[in-house]
Amino acid sequence: INKEFQSFLPPGGRILEIRTPEVVASVKK
């Protein structure tokens, strides 16, 4: 994913972790 996003990120930028928002919990509720 980092390789594919490299053209969209600033120099030296990378994706460190994947998070999901709180909306997933509200959708499950």
PDB file of all heavy atoms in Angstrom:
ATOM      1  N   ILE A   1       0.843  -1.203   0.000  1.00  0.00           N
ATOM      2  CA  ILE A   1       0.000   0.000   0.000  1.00  0.00           C
ATOM      3  C   ILE A   1       0.873   1.245   0.000  1.00  0.00           C
ATOM      4  O   ILE A   1       0.610   2.215  -0.724  1.00  0.00           O
ATOM      5  CB  ILE A   1      -0.965  -0.018   1.203  1.00  0.00           C
ATOM      6  CG1 ILE A   1      -1.985  -1.150   1.051  1.00  0.00           C
ATOM      7  CG2 ILE A   1      -1.691   1.311   1.346  1.00  0.00           C
ATOM      8  CD1 ILE A   1      -2.837  -1.406   2.269  1.00  0.00           C
ATOM      9  N   ASN A   2       1.950   1.248   0.794  1.00  0.00           N
ATOM     10  CA  ASN A   2       2.874   2.386   0.830  1.00  0.00           C
ATOM     11  C   ASN A   2       3.497   2.634  -0.538  1.00  0.00           C
ATOM     12  O   ASN A   2       3.664   3.790  -0.956  1.00  0.00           O
ATOM     13  CB  ASN A   2       3.968   2.163   1.874  1.00  0.00           C
ATOM     14  CG  ASN A   2       3.612   2.759   3.216  1.00  0.00           C
ATOM     15  OD1 ASN A   2       3.066   3.853   3.293  1.00  0.00           O
ATOM     16  ND2 ASN A   2       3.897   2.030   4.271  1.00  0.00           N
ATOM     17  N   LYS A   3       3.859   1.579  -1.259  1.00  0.00           N
ATOM     18  CA  LYS A   3       4.443   1.743  -2.589  1.00  0.00           C
ATOM     19  C   LYS A   3       3.450   2.411  -3.539  1.00  0.00           C
ATOM     20  O   LYS A   3       3.822   3.280  -4.322  1.00  0.00           O
ATOM     21  CB  LYS A   3       4.865   0.380  -3.158  1.00  0.00           C
ATOM     22  CG  LYS A   3       6.113  -0.177  -2.530  1.00  0.00           C
ATOM     23  CD  LYS A   3       6.448  -1.525  -3.134  1.00  0.00           C
ATOM     24  CE  LYS A   3       7.577  -2.183  -2.362  1.00  0.00           C
ATOM     25  NZ  LYS A   3       7.810  -3.563  -2.825  1.00  0.00           N
ATOM     26  N   GLU A   4       2.184   1.995  -3.454  1.00  0.00           N
ATOM     27  CA  GLU A   4       1.185   2.573  -4.356  1.00  0.00           C
ATOM     28  C   GLU A   4       0.826   4.006  -3.968  1.00  0.00           C
ATOM     29  O   GLU A   4       0.473   4.814  -4.816  1.00  0.00           O
ATOM     30  CB  GLU A   4      -0.068   1.697  -4.366  1.00  0.00           C
ATOM     31  CG  GLU A   4       0.161   0.364  -5.057  1.00  0.00           C
ATOM     32  CD  GLU A   4      -1.118  -0.370  -5.353  1.00  0.00           C
ATOM     33  OE1 GLU A   4      -2.063   0.270  -5.862  1.00  0.00           O
ATOM     34  OE2 GLU A   4      -1.168  -1.575  -5.081  1.00  0.00           O
ATOM     35  N   PHE A   5       0.899   4.329  -2.688  1.00  0.00           N
ATOM     36  CA  PHE A   5       0.574   5.678  -2.222  1.00  0.00           C
ATOM     37  C   PHE A   5       1.757   6.645  -2.339  1.00  0.00           C
ATOM     38  O   PHE A   5       1.598   7.830  -2.088  1.00  0.00           O
ATOM     39  CB  PHE A   5       0.111   5.639  -0.756  1.00  0.00           C
ATOM     40  CG  PHE A   5      -1.369   5.536  -0.583  1.00  0.00           C
ATOM     41  CD1 PHE A   5      -1.962   4.320  -0.262  1.00  0.00           C
ATOM     42  CD2 PHE A   5      -2.179   6.641  -0.740  1.00  0.00           C
ATOM     43  CE1 PHE A   5      -3.325   4.215  -0.099  1.00  0.00           C
ATOM     44  CE2 PHE A   5      -3.551   6.544  -0.577  1.00  0.00           C
ATOM     45  CZ  PHE A   5      -4.128   5.325  -0.265  1.00  0.00           C
ATOM     46  N   GLN A   6       2.942   6.162  -2.676  1.00  0.00           N
ATOM     47  CA  GLN A   6       4.153   6.992  -2.683  1.00  0.00           C
ATOM     48  C   GLN A   6       3.997   8.243  -3.539  1.00  0.00           C
ATOM     49  O   GLN A   6       4.475   9.316  -3.170  1.00  0.00           O
ATOM     50  CB  GLN A   6       5.356   6.161  -3.161  1.00  0.00           C
ATOM     51  CG  GLN A   6       6.689   6.737  -2.730  1.00  0.00           C
ATOM     52  CD  GLN A   6       6.804   6.821  -1.209  1.00  0.00           C
ATOM     53  OE1 GLN A   6       6.511   5.852  -0.518  1.00  0.00           O
ATOM     54  NE2 GLN A   6       7.210   7.949  -0.699  1.00  0.00           N
ATOM     55  N   SER A   7       3.291   8.128  -4.661  1.00  0.00           N
ATOM     56  CA  SER A   7       3.146   9.302  -5.531  1.00  0.00           C
ATOM     57  C   SER A   7       2.199  10.346  -4.922  1.00  0.00           C
ATOM     58  O   SER A   7       2.260  11.520  -5.289  1.00  0.00           O
ATOM     59  CB  SER A   7       2.636   8.872  -6.906  1.00  0.00           C
ATOM     60  OG  SER A   7       1.376   8.256  -6.774  1.00  0.00           O
ATOM     61  N   PHE A   8       1.347   9.950  -3.968  1.00  0.00           N
ATOM     62  CA  PHE A   8       0.406  10.876  -3.344  1.00  0.00           C
ATOM     63  C   PHE A   8       0.948  11.480  -2.049  1.00  0.00           C
ATOM     64  O   PHE A   8       0.416  12.469  -1.572  1.00  0.00           O
ATOM     65  CB  PHE A   8      -0.920  10.162  -3.029  1.00  0.00           C
ATOM     66  CG  PHE A   8      -1.579   9.581  -4.243  1.00  0.00           C
ATOM     67  CD1 PHE A   8      -1.569   8.212  -4.460  1.00  0.00           C
ATOM     68  CD2 PHE A   8      -2.197  10.397  -5.179  1.00  0.00           C
ATOM     69  CE1 PHE A   8      -2.168   7.671  -5.576  1.00  0.00           C
ATOM     70  CE2 PHE A   8      -2.803   9.856  -6.302  1.00  0.00           C
ATOM     71  CZ  PHE A   8      -2.787   8.493  -6.509  1.00  0.00           C
ATOM     72  N   LEU A   9       1.974  10.878  -1.474  1.00  0.00           N
ATOM     73  CA  LEU A   9       2.521  11.320  -0.185  1.00  0.00           C
ATOM     74  C   LEU A   9       3.697  12.263  -0.406  1.00  0.00           C
ATOM     75  O   LEU A   9       4.384  12.184  -1.428  1.00  0.00           O
ATOM     76  CB  LEU A   9       2.971  10.105   0.636  1.00  0.00           C
ATOM     77  CG  LEU A   9       1.870   9.104   1.016  1.00  0.00           C
ATOM     78  CD1 LEU A   9       2.486   7.884   1.665  1.00  0.00           C
ATOM     79  CD2 LEU A   9       0.854   9.739   1.937  1.00  0.00           C
ATOM     80  N   PRO A  10       3.986  13.127   0.563  1.00  0.00           N
ATOM     81  CA  PRO A  10       5.161  13.993   0.443  1.00  0.00           C
ATOM     82  C   PRO A  10       6.442  13.152   0.553  1.00  0.00           C
ATOM     83  O   PRO A  10       6.400  12.011   0.995  1.00  0.00           O
ATOM     84  CB  PRO A  10       5.024  14.949   1.630  1.00  0.00           C
ATOM     85  CG  PRO A  10       4.128  14.265   2.588  1.00  0.00           C
ATOM     86  CD  PRO A  10       3.233  13.381   1.786  1.00  0.00           C
ATOM     87  N   PRO A  11       7.560  13.720   0.171  1.00  0.00           N
ATOM     88  CA  PRO A  11       8.816  12.963   0.262  1.00  0.00           C
ATOM     89  C   PRO A  11       9.063  12.483   1.692  1.00  0.00           C
ATOM     90  O   PRO A  11       8.967  13.253   2.641  1.00  0.00           O
ATOM     91  CB  PRO A  11       9.880  13.964  -0.185  1.00  0.00           C
ATOM     92  CG  PRO A  11       9.149  15.013  -0.949  1.00  0.00           C
ATOM     93  CD  PRO A  11       7.752  15.040  -0.407  1.00  0.00           C
ATOM     94  N   GLY A  12       9.364  11.226   1.823  1.00  0.00           N
ATOM     95  CA  GLY A  12       9.604  10.636   3.145  1.00  0.00           C
ATOM     96  C   GLY A  12       8.335  10.222   3.873  1.00  0.00           C
ATOM     97  O   GLY A  12       8.392   9.629   4.945  1.00  0.00           O
ATOM     98  N   GLY A  13       7.181  10.520   3.301  1.00  0.00           N
ATOM     99  CA  GLY A  13       5.916  10.172   3.941  1.00  0.00           C
ATOM    100  C   GLY A  13       5.574   8.708   3.729  1.00  0.00           C
ATOM    101  O   GLY A  13       5.913   8.113   2.721  1.00  0.00           O
ATOM    102  N   ARG A  14       4.926   8.138   4.729  1.00  0.00           N
ATOM    103  CA  ARG A  14       4.514   6.740   4.592  1.00  0.00           C
ATOM    104  C   ARG A  14       3.318   6.464   5.505  1.00  0.00           C
ATOM    105  O   ARG A  14       3.042   7.213   6.440  1.00  0.00           O
ATOM    106  CB  ARG A  14       5.660   5.787   4.903  1.00  0.00           C
ATOM    107  CG  ARG A  14       6.133   5.822   6.324  1.00  0.00           C
ATOM    108  CD  ARG A  14       7.320   4.867   6.486  1.00  0.00           C
ATOM    109  NE  ARG A  14       7.623   4.638   7.866  1.00  0.00           N
ATOM    110  CZ  ARG A  14       8.342   5.435   8.642  1.00  0.00           C
ATOM    111  NH1 ARG A  14       8.844   6.544   8.131  1.00  0.00           N
ATOM    112  NH2 ARG A  14       8.576   5.151   9.892  1.00  0.00           N
ATOM    113  N   ILE A  15       2.651   5.382   5.217  1.00  0.00           N
ATOM    114  CA  ILE A  15       1.517   4.963   6.032  1.00  0.00           C
ATOM    115  C   ILE A  15       2.066   4.087   7.146  1.00  0.00           C
ATOM    116  O   ILE A  15       2.747   3.085   6.894  1.00  0.00           O
ATOM    117  CB  ILE A  15       0.487   4.184   5.181  1.00  0.00           C
ATOM    118  CG1 ILE A  15      -0.050   5.104   4.080  1.00  0.00           C
ATOM    119  CG2 ILE A  15      -0.631   3.641   6.050  1.00  0.00           C
ATOM    120  CD1 ILE A  15      -0.925   4.406   3.074  1.00  0.00           C
ATOM    121  N   LEU A  16       1.772   4.485   8.398  1.00  0.00           N
ATOM    122  CA  LEU A  16       2.312   3.748   9.539  1.00  0.00           C
ATOM    123  C   LEU A  16       1.348   2.700  10.069  1.00  0.00           C
ATOM    124  O   LEU A  16       1.749   1.621  10.459  1.00  0.00           O
ATOM    125  CB  LEU A  16       2.667   4.729  10.660  1.00  0.00           C
ATOM    126  CG  LEU A  16       3.739   5.766  10.320  1.00  0.00           C
ATOM    127  CD1 LEU A  16       3.911   6.746  11.462  1.00  0.00           C
ATOM    128  CD2 LEU A  16       5.056   5.065  10.022  1.00  0.00           C
ATOM    129  N   GLU A  17       0.065   3.042  10.129  1.00  0.00           N
ATOM    130  CA  GLU A  17      -0.917   2.098  10.662  1.00  0.00           C
ATOM    131  C   GLU A  17      -2.258   2.321  10.001  1.00  0.00           C
ATOM    132  O   GLU A  17      -2.528   3.366   9.428  1.00  0.00           O
ATOM    133  CB  GLU A  17      -1.036   2.222  12.181  1.00  0.00           C
ATOM    134  CG  GLU A  17      -1.629   3.530  12.651  1.00  0.00           C
ATOM    135  CD  GLU A  17      -1.799   3.590  14.155  1.00  0.00           C
ATOM    136  OE1 GLU A  17      -2.404   2.661  14.706  1.00  0.00           O
ATOM    137  OE2 GLU A  17      -1.346   4.571  14.751  1.00  0.00           O
ATOM    138  N   ILE A  18      -3.092   1.311  10.101  1.00  0.00           N
ATOM    139  CA  ILE A  18      -4.441   1.373   9.549  1.00  0.00           C
ATOM    140  C   ILE A  18      -5.398   1.525  10.727  1.00  0.00           C
ATOM    141  O   ILE A  18      -5.351   0.753  11.676  1.00  0.00           O
ATOM    142  CB  ILE A  18      -4.791   0.087   8.767  1.00  0.00           C
ATOM    143  CG1 ILE A  18      -3.754  -0.223   7.686  1.00  0.00           C
ATOM    144  CG2 ILE A  18      -6.196   0.158   8.211  1.00  0.00           C
ATOM    145  CD1 ILE A  18      -3.790   0.688   6.500  1.00  0.00           C
ATOM    146  N   ARG A  19      -6.261   2.540  10.665  1.00  0.00           N
ATOM    147  CA  ARG A  19      -7.261   2.767  11.715  1.00  0.00           C
ATOM    148  C   ARG A  19      -8.634   2.825  11.079  1.00  0.00           C
ATOM    149  O   ARG A  19      -8.778   3.194   9.928  1.00  0.00           O
ATOM    150  CB  ARG A  19      -7.025   4.107  12.414  1.00  0.00           C
ATOM    151  CG  ARG A  19      -5.900   4.133  13.357  1.00  0.00           C
ATOM    152  CD  ARG A  19      -5.897   5.493  14.001  1.00  0.00           C
ATOM    153  NE  ARG A  19      -5.009   5.492  15.131  1.00  0.00           N
ATOM    154  CZ  ARG A  19      -5.006   6.417  16.048  1.00  0.00           C
ATOM    155  NH1 ARG A  19      -5.847   7.412  15.961  1.00  0.00           N
ATOM    156  NH2 ARG A  19      -4.173   6.357  17.043  1.00  0.00           N
ATOM    157  N   THR A  20      -9.630   2.495  11.889  1.00  0.00           N
ATOM    158  CA  THR A  20     -11.003   2.698  11.442  1.00  0.00           C
ATOM    159  C   THR A  20     -11.669   3.665  12.412  1.00  0.00           C
ATOM    160  O   THR A  20     -11.353   3.671  13.598  1.00  0.00           O
ATOM    161  CB  THR A  20     -11.785   1.372  11.397  1.00  0.00           C
ATOM    162  OG1 THR A  20     -11.701   0.757  12.667  1.00  0.00           O
ATOM    163  CG2 THR A  20     -11.244   0.454  10.338  1.00  0.00           C
ATOM    164  N   PRO A  21     -12.605   4.470  11.936  1.00  0.00           N
ATOM    165  CA  PRO A  21     -13.227   5.475  12.798  1.00  0.00           C
ATOM    166  C   PRO A  21     -14.303   4.883  13.699  1.00  0.00           C
ATOM    167  O   PRO A  21     -14.646   3.711  13.616  1.00  0.00           O
ATOM    168  CB  PRO A  21     -13.844   6.441  11.792  1.00  0.00           C
ATOM    169  CG  PRO A  21     -14.129   5.584  10.605  1.00  0.00           C
ATOM    170  CD  PRO A  21     -13.019   4.565  10.567  1.00  0.00           C
ATOM    171  N   GLU A  22     -14.856   5.748  14.536  1.00  0.00           N
ATOM    172  CA  GLU A  22     -15.902   5.344  15.467  1.00  0.00           C
ATOM    173  C   GLU A  22     -17.209   5.031  14.763  1.00  0.00           C
ATOM    174  O   GLU A  22     -18.083   4.392  15.327  1.00  0.00           O
ATOM    175  CB  GLU A  22     -16.142   6.440  16.514  1.00  0.00           C
ATOM    176  CG  GLU A  22     -14.984   6.683  17.457  1.00  0.00           C
ATOM    177  CD  GLU A  22     -13.848   7.487  16.846  1.00  0.00           C
ATOM    178  OE1 GLU A  22     -14.112   8.313  15.938  1.00  0.00           O
ATOM    179  OE2 GLU A  22     -12.702   7.287  17.245  1.00  0.00           O
ATOM    180  N   VAL A  23     -17.361   5.471  13.517  1.00  0.00           N
ATOM    181  CA  VAL A  23     -18.608   5.240  12.801  1.00  0.00           C
ATOM    182  C   VAL A  23     -18.875   3.749  12.644  1.00  0.00           C
ATOM    183  O   VAL A  23     -20.020   3.321  12.596  1.00  0.00           O
ATOM    184  CB  VAL A  23     -18.610   5.959  11.436  1.00  0.00           C
ATOM    185  CG1 VAL A  23     -17.739   5.245  10.436  1.00  0.00           C
ATOM    186  CG2 VAL A  23     -20.020   6.064  10.892  1.00  0.00           C
ATOM    187  N   VAL A  24     -17.845   2.934  12.591  1.00  0.00           N
ATOM    188  CA  VAL A  24     -18.039   1.489  12.458  1.00  0.00           C
ATOM    189  C   VAL A  24     -18.781   0.957  13.677  1.00  0.00           C
ATOM    190  O   VAL A  24     -19.696   0.143  13.555  1.00  0.00           O
ATOM    191  CB  VAL A  24     -16.679   0.774  12.275  1.00  0.00           C
ATOM    192  CG1 VAL A  24     -16.866  -0.727  12.267  1.00  0.00           C
ATOM    193  CG2 VAL A  24     -16.019   1.230  10.994  1.00  0.00           C
ATOM    194  N   ALA A  25     -18.441   1.452  14.852  1.00  0.00           N
ATOM    195  CA  ALA A  25     -19.139   1.016  16.062  1.00  0.00           C
ATOM    196  C   ALA A  25     -20.595   1.475  16.032  1.00  0.00           C
ATOM    197  O   ALA A  25     -21.489   0.725  16.414  1.00  0.00           O
ATOM    198  CB  ALA A  25     -18.439   1.565  17.298  1.00  0.00           C
ATOM    199  N   SER A  26     -20.857   2.698  15.549  1.00  0.00           N
ATOM    200  CA  SER A  26     -22.238   3.181  15.518  1.00  0.00           C
ATOM    201  C   SER A  26     -23.057   2.436  14.471  1.00  0.00           C
ATOM    202  O   SER A  26     -24.239   2.206  14.662  1.00  0.00           O
ATOM    203  CB  SER A  26     -22.286   4.681  15.272  1.00  0.00           C
ATOM    204  OG  SER A  26     -21.824   4.980  13.978  1.00  0.00           O
ATOM    205  N   VAL A  27     -22.430   2.032  13.362  1.00  0.00           N
ATOM    206  CA  VAL A  27     -23.145   1.253  12.351  1.00  0.00           C
ATOM    207  C   VAL A  27     -23.495  -0.108  12.921  1.00  0.00           C
ATOM    208  O   VAL A  27     -24.586  -0.621  12.727  1.00  0.00           O
ATOM    209  CB  VAL A  27     -22.307   1.117  11.057  1.00  0.00           C
ATOM    210  CG1 VAL A  27     -22.910   0.081  10.126  1.00  0.00           C
ATOM    211  CG2 VAL A  27     -22.197   2.452  10.361  1.00  0.00           C
ATOM    212  N   LYS A  28     -22.583  -0.707  13.682  1.00  0.00           N
ATOM    213  CA  LYS A  28     -22.874  -2.005  14.301  1.00  0.00           C
ATOM    214  C   LYS A  28     -23.993  -1.874  15.324  1.00  0.00           C
ATOM    215  O   LYS A  28     -24.823  -2.763  15.442  1.00  0.00           O
ATOM    216  CB  LYS A  28     -21.623  -2.581  14.960  1.00  0.00           C
ATOM    217  CG  LYS A  28     -20.666  -3.153  13.954  1.00  0.00           C
ATOM    218  CD  LYS A  28     -19.617  -3.943  14.674  1.00  0.00           C
ATOM    219  CE  LYS A  28     -18.811  -4.701  13.676  1.00  0.00           C
ATOM    220  NZ  LYS A  28     -19.135  -6.090  13.612  1.00  0.00           N
ATOM    221  N   LYS A  29     -24.036  -0.761  16.079  1.00  0.00           N
ATOM    222  CA  LYS A  29     -25.119  -0.561  17.041  1.00  0.00           C
ATOM    223  C   LYS A  29     -26.448  -0.437  16.326  1.00  0.00           C
ATOM    224  O   LYS A  29     -27.466  -0.901  16.809  1.00  0.00           O
ATOM    225  CB  LYS A  29     -24.864   0.690  17.881  1.00  0.00           C
ATOM    226  CG  LYS A  29     -23.792   0.508  18.921  1.00  0.00           C
ATOM    227  CD  LYS A  29     -23.580   1.779  19.704  1.00  0.00           C
ATOM    228  CE  LYS A  29     -22.383   1.643  20.620  1.00  0.00           C
ATOM    229  NZ  LYS A  29     -22.048   2.900  21.261  1.00  0.00           N
TER     230      LYS A  29
END
